[in-house]
Amino acid sequence: MRAAARKKDLAVEGREPELAALVGPTMKDAEEQGFLETNESRVTARVSAKMVAVAKARTGIASDSDLVKFAIAQLAIEDPFKKAFRDLRGSIDPDVDLEF
């Protein structure tokens, strides 16, 4: 199955729409960064069945393999927010009333 078609399969509606909405964009970013081109690595782990069930329910992802791919993609894809936030440090005038 082509990666683009598979990515659409991952984007099913979950119990938490905000989290389920991350699946498609995350996997698109993973594809654009070349993370989904091959499946030459195997990951094996023993984890709580409850944790897997909750993660599947929250994301809407049905298969164990797709859930693991999504979780690893979340860690592998660089989040530009941290750098952007750090780069803005000191850019707001200290006299600005932020109404806190």
N, C-alpha and C. Protein backbone atom coordinates (compact mmCIF):
# COMPACT_ATOMS: atom_id res chain seq x y z
N MET A 1 0.85 -1.19 0.00
CA MET A 1 0.00 0.00 0.00
C MET A 1 0.89 1.25 0.00
N ARG A 2 0.59 2.19 -0.84
CA ARG A 2 1.37 3.43 -0.91
C ARG A 2 1.28 4.20 0.39
N ALA A 3 2.35 4.96 0.72
CA ALA A 3 2.40 5.72 1.97
C ALA A 3 1.27 6.73 2.07
N ALA A 4 0.95 7.40 0.95
CA ALA A 4 -0.13 8.40 0.99
C ALA A 4 -1.47 7.76 1.32
N ALA A 5 -1.74 6.61 0.72
CA ALA A 5 -3.00 5.92 1.01
C ALA A 5 -3.01 5.43 2.44
N ARG A 6 -1.88 4.92 2.92
CA ARG A 6 -1.78 4.42 4.29
C ARG A 6 -1.98 5.55 5.28
N LYS A 7 -1.42 6.74 4.97
CA LYS A 7 -1.55 7.89 5.85
C LYS A 7 -3.02 8.26 6.03
N LYS A 8 -3.80 8.17 4.98
CA LYS A 8 -5.23 8.46 5.08
C LYS A 8 -5.92 7.47 6.01
N ASP A 9 -5.47 6.20 5.97
CA ASP A 9 -6.04 5.19 6.86
C ASP A 9 -5.79 5.54 8.32
N LEU A 10 -4.67 6.19 8.60
CA LEU A 10 -4.32 6.54 9.98
C LEU A 10 -5.20 7.64 10.53
N ALA A 11 -5.73 8.49 9.68
CA ALA A 11 -6.44 9.68 10.13
C ALA A 11 -7.90 9.42 10.42
N VAL A 12 -8.20 8.34 11.12
CA VAL A 12 -9.58 8.08 11.51
C VAL A 12 -9.94 8.90 12.74
N GLU A 13 -11.23 9.13 12.91
CA GLU A 13 -11.68 9.97 14.01
C GLU A 13 -11.54 9.23 15.34
N GLY A 14 -10.97 9.90 16.33
CA GLY A 14 -10.78 9.31 17.65
C GLY A 14 -11.67 9.97 18.67
N ARG A 15 -11.56 9.53 19.90
CA ARG A 15 -12.35 10.09 20.99
C ARG A 15 -11.92 11.49 21.34
N GLU A 16 -10.67 11.81 21.10
CA GLU A 16 -10.16 13.16 21.35
C GLU A 16 -9.82 13.79 20.01
N PRO A 17 -10.74 14.56 19.46
CA PRO A 17 -10.54 15.10 18.12
C PRO A 17 -9.23 15.89 17.95
N GLU A 18 -8.81 16.62 19.00
CA GLU A 18 -7.58 17.40 18.88
C GLU A 18 -6.38 16.50 18.69
N LEU A 19 -6.34 15.40 19.43
CA LEU A 19 -5.22 14.46 19.31
C LEU A 19 -5.33 13.69 18.01
N ALA A 20 -6.52 13.23 17.67
CA ALA A 20 -6.72 12.50 16.41
C ALA A 20 -6.35 13.39 15.22
N ALA A 21 -6.58 14.69 15.35
CA ALA A 21 -6.26 15.62 14.26
C ALA A 21 -4.76 15.75 14.04
N LEU A 22 -3.95 15.37 15.02
CA LEU A 22 -2.49 15.43 14.87
C LEU A 22 -1.95 14.29 14.03
N VAL A 23 -2.70 13.20 13.93
CA VAL A 23 -2.20 12.00 13.26
C VAL A 23 -1.85 12.30 11.80
N GLY A 24 -2.78 12.83 11.05
CA GLY A 24 -2.54 13.12 9.63
C GLY A 24 -1.36 14.04 9.39
N PRO A 25 -1.35 15.23 10.03
CA PRO A 25 -0.22 16.14 9.82
C PRO A 25 1.12 15.57 10.29
N THR A 26 1.10 14.83 11.39
CA THR A 26 2.35 14.23 11.87
C THR A 26 2.90 13.23 10.86
N MET A 27 2.02 12.38 10.34
CA MET A 27 2.46 11.38 9.39
C MET A 27 2.85 12.02 8.05
N LYS A 28 2.21 13.13 7.70
CA LYS A 28 2.60 13.87 6.49
C LYS A 28 4.00 14.44 6.67
N ASP A 29 4.28 15.03 7.83
CA ASP A 29 5.62 15.54 8.11
C ASP A 29 6.64 14.41 8.09
N ALA A 30 6.29 13.27 8.68
CA ALA A 30 7.19 12.12 8.70
C ALA A 30 7.50 11.66 7.27
N GLU A 31 6.47 11.66 6.44
CA GLU A 31 6.68 11.27 5.04
C GLU A 31 7.58 12.27 4.32
N GLU A 32 7.33 13.57 4.52
CA GLU A 32 8.12 14.61 3.87
C GLU A 32 9.58 14.57 4.31
N GLN A 33 9.84 14.12 5.54
CA GLN A 33 11.21 14.04 6.04
C GLN A 33 11.86 12.70 5.71
N GLY A 34 11.15 11.86 4.97
CA GLY A 34 11.71 10.59 4.51
C GLY A 34 11.66 9.47 5.52
N PHE A 35 10.92 9.64 6.61
CA PHE A 35 10.86 8.62 7.65
C PHE A 35 10.00 7.42 7.25
N LEU A 36 9.14 7.55 6.27
CA LEU A 36 8.23 6.47 5.92
C LEU A 36 8.60 5.76 4.62
N GLU A 37 9.79 6.06 4.08
CA GLU A 37 10.19 5.48 2.81
C GLU A 37 10.40 3.98 2.90
N THR A 38 10.95 3.50 4.00
CA THR A 38 11.20 2.07 4.15
C THR A 38 10.80 1.63 5.56
N ASN A 39 10.65 0.35 5.72
CA ASN A 39 10.35 -0.24 7.03
C ASN A 39 11.40 -1.28 7.36
N GLU A 40 12.67 -0.89 7.39
CA GLU A 40 13.73 -1.86 7.60
C GLU A 40 14.06 -2.10 9.07
N SER A 41 13.50 -1.35 9.98
CA SER A 41 13.78 -1.53 11.41
C SER A 41 12.58 -2.17 12.09
N ARG A 42 12.87 -2.98 13.09
CA ARG A 42 11.80 -3.64 13.84
C ARG A 42 11.91 -3.20 15.30
N VAL A 43 10.79 -2.84 15.88
CA VAL A 43 10.73 -2.43 17.28
C VAL A 43 9.83 -3.41 18.02
N THR A 44 10.33 -3.96 19.10
CA THR A 44 9.56 -4.90 19.90
C THR A 44 9.59 -4.44 21.35
N ALA A 45 8.45 -4.44 21.99
CA ALA A 45 8.39 -4.03 23.39
C ALA A 45 7.18 -4.65 24.06
N ARG A 46 7.29 -4.84 25.34
CA ARG A 46 6.15 -5.28 26.15
C ARG A 46 5.62 -4.04 26.84
N VAL A 47 4.35 -3.74 26.61
CA VAL A 47 3.72 -2.57 27.23
C VAL A 47 2.35 -2.96 27.75
N SER A 48 1.81 -2.14 28.59
CA SER A 48 0.49 -2.37 29.17
C SER A 48 -0.58 -2.38 28.09
N ALA A 49 -1.41 -3.41 28.10
CA ALA A 49 -2.52 -3.49 27.16
C ALA A 49 -3.47 -2.30 27.34
N LYS A 50 -3.63 -1.87 28.59
CA LYS A 50 -4.49 -0.73 28.87
C LYS A 50 -3.93 0.53 28.23
N MET A 51 -2.60 0.71 28.32
CA MET A 51 -1.97 1.90 27.72
C MET A 51 -2.18 1.90 26.21
N VAL A 52 -2.01 0.76 25.57
CA VAL A 52 -2.21 0.66 24.12
C VAL A 52 -3.66 0.95 23.76
N ALA A 53 -4.58 0.37 24.51
CA ALA A 53 -6.01 0.58 24.23
C ALA A 53 -6.39 2.05 24.37
N VAL A 54 -5.90 2.70 25.41
CA VAL A 54 -6.21 4.12 25.62
C VAL A 54 -5.59 4.97 24.51
N ALA A 55 -4.34 4.67 24.14
CA ALA A 55 -3.68 5.43 23.08
C ALA A 55 -4.42 5.26 21.75
N LYS A 56 -4.86 4.04 21.46
CA LYS A 56 -5.62 3.82 20.23
C LYS A 56 -6.95 4.58 20.26
N ALA A 57 -7.61 4.54 21.40
CA ALA A 57 -8.90 5.24 21.52
C ALA A 57 -8.72 6.75 21.39
N ARG A 58 -7.66 7.28 22.01
CA ARG A 58 -7.44 8.73 21.97
C ARG A 58 -7.06 9.22 20.59
N THR A 59 -6.28 8.41 19.83
CA THR A 59 -5.83 8.84 18.51
C THR A 59 -6.73 8.39 17.39
N GLY A 60 -7.48 7.32 17.63
CA GLY A 60 -8.29 6.74 16.57
C GLY A 60 -7.50 5.78 15.69
N ILE A 61 -6.26 5.49 16.05
CA ILE A 61 -5.42 4.57 15.28
C ILE A 61 -5.79 3.14 15.68
N ALA A 62 -5.99 2.28 14.70
CA ALA A 62 -6.46 0.92 14.98
C ALA A 62 -5.34 -0.10 15.16
N SER A 63 -4.26 0.01 14.39
CA SER A 63 -3.24 -1.04 14.43
C SER A 63 -2.08 -0.68 15.36
N ASP A 64 -1.48 -1.71 15.94
CA ASP A 64 -0.32 -1.51 16.82
C ASP A 64 0.83 -0.88 16.05
N SER A 65 1.11 -1.37 14.84
CA SER A 65 2.22 -0.84 14.04
C SER A 65 2.03 0.64 13.73
N ASP A 66 0.82 1.02 13.34
CA ASP A 66 0.56 2.42 13.02
C ASP A 66 0.67 3.29 14.27
N LEU A 67 0.24 2.77 15.41
CA LEU A 67 0.35 3.52 16.66
C LEU A 67 1.82 3.76 17.01
N VAL A 68 2.65 2.74 16.86
CA VAL A 68 4.08 2.88 17.14
C VAL A 68 4.72 3.87 16.17
N LYS A 69 4.36 3.78 14.88
CA LYS A 69 4.91 4.72 13.89
C LYS A 69 4.54 6.16 14.25
N PHE A 70 3.30 6.38 14.65
CA PHE A 70 2.86 7.72 15.02
C PHE A 70 3.64 8.22 16.25
N ALA A 71 3.76 7.35 17.26
CA ALA A 71 4.46 7.75 18.49
C ALA A 71 5.92 8.09 18.21
N ILE A 72 6.59 7.27 17.41
CA ILE A 72 8.00 7.53 17.10
C ILE A 72 8.13 8.77 16.22
N ALA A 73 7.20 8.96 15.30
CA ALA A 73 7.22 10.16 14.45
C ALA A 73 7.09 11.42 15.31
N GLN A 74 6.24 11.36 16.34
CA GLN A 74 6.08 12.51 17.23
C GLN A 74 7.42 12.89 17.87
N LEU A 75 8.24 11.90 18.17
CA LEU A 75 9.55 12.16 18.78
C LEU A 75 10.60 12.54 17.75
N ALA A 76 10.52 11.96 16.55
CA ALA A 76 11.55 12.17 15.54
C ALA A 76 11.43 13.51 14.81
N ILE A 77 10.22 14.00 14.67
CA ILE A 77 10.00 15.25 13.93
C ILE A 77 10.35 16.42 14.84
N GLU A 78 11.22 17.27 14.33
CA GLU A 78 11.63 18.43 15.11
C GLU A 78 10.49 19.43 15.20
N ASP A 79 10.21 19.89 16.40
CA ASP A 79 9.16 20.87 16.64
C ASP A 79 9.79 22.27 16.60
N PRO A 80 9.41 23.10 15.64
CA PRO A 80 10.02 24.42 15.52
C PRO A 80 9.59 25.40 16.62
N PHE A 81 8.57 25.04 17.40
CA PHE A 81 8.07 25.97 18.42
C PHE A 81 9.13 26.32 19.46
N LYS A 82 9.86 25.33 19.93
CA LYS A 82 10.86 25.56 20.98
C LYS A 82 11.89 26.59 20.54
N LYS A 83 12.43 26.44 19.33
CA LYS A 83 13.42 27.38 18.83
C LYS A 83 12.79 28.76 18.61
N ALA A 84 11.60 28.79 18.03
CA ALA A 84 10.94 30.07 17.78
C ALA A 84 10.65 30.79 19.09
N PHE A 85 10.21 30.05 20.09
CA PHE A 85 9.92 30.63 21.40
C PHE A 85 11.20 31.19 22.03
N ARG A 86 12.28 30.41 21.95
CA ARG A 86 13.56 30.85 22.52
C ARG A 86 14.08 32.09 21.79
N ASP A 87 13.92 32.12 20.46
CA ASP A 87 14.39 33.25 19.67
C ASP A 87 13.65 34.54 20.00
N LEU A 88 12.43 34.42 20.51
CA LEU A 88 11.64 35.60 20.86
C LEU A 88 11.97 36.16 22.25
N ARG A 89 12.77 35.43 23.02
CA ARG A 89 13.11 35.86 24.38
C ARG A 89 13.68 37.28 24.38
N GLY A 90 13.11 38.10 25.21
CA GLY A 90 13.56 39.48 25.34
C GLY A 90 13.03 40.41 24.28
N SER A 91 12.16 39.95 23.40
CA SER A 91 11.68 40.80 22.31
C SER A 91 10.45 41.62 22.69
N ILE A 92 9.85 41.34 23.85
CA ILE A 92 8.69 42.11 24.29
C ILE A 92 9.17 43.16 25.28
N ASP A 93 8.77 44.37 25.06
CA ASP A 93 9.15 45.48 25.94
C ASP A 93 8.70 45.16 27.37
N PRO A 94 9.61 45.23 28.33
CA PRO A 94 9.27 44.92 29.71
C PRO A 94 8.16 45.81 30.28
N ASP A 95 7.91 46.96 29.67
CA ASP A 95 6.88 47.87 30.15
C ASP A 95 5.50 47.55 29.60
N VAL A 96 5.38 46.57 28.73
CA VAL A 96 4.08 46.19 28.18
C VAL A 96 3.25 45.53 29.28
N ASP A 97 2.02 45.99 29.44
CA ASP A 97 1.12 45.40 30.44
C ASP A 97 0.44 44.20 29.82
N LEU A 98 0.80 43.01 30.31
CA LEU A 98 0.24 41.77 29.78
C LEU A 98 -1.04 41.38 30.53
N GLU A 99 -1.49 42.22 31.41
CA GLU A 99 -2.74 42.04 32.15
C GLU A 99 -2.82 40.73 32.92
N PHE A 100 -1.71 40.36 33.56
CA PHE A 100 -1.73 39.17 34.41
C PHE A 100 -2.05 39.57 35.82
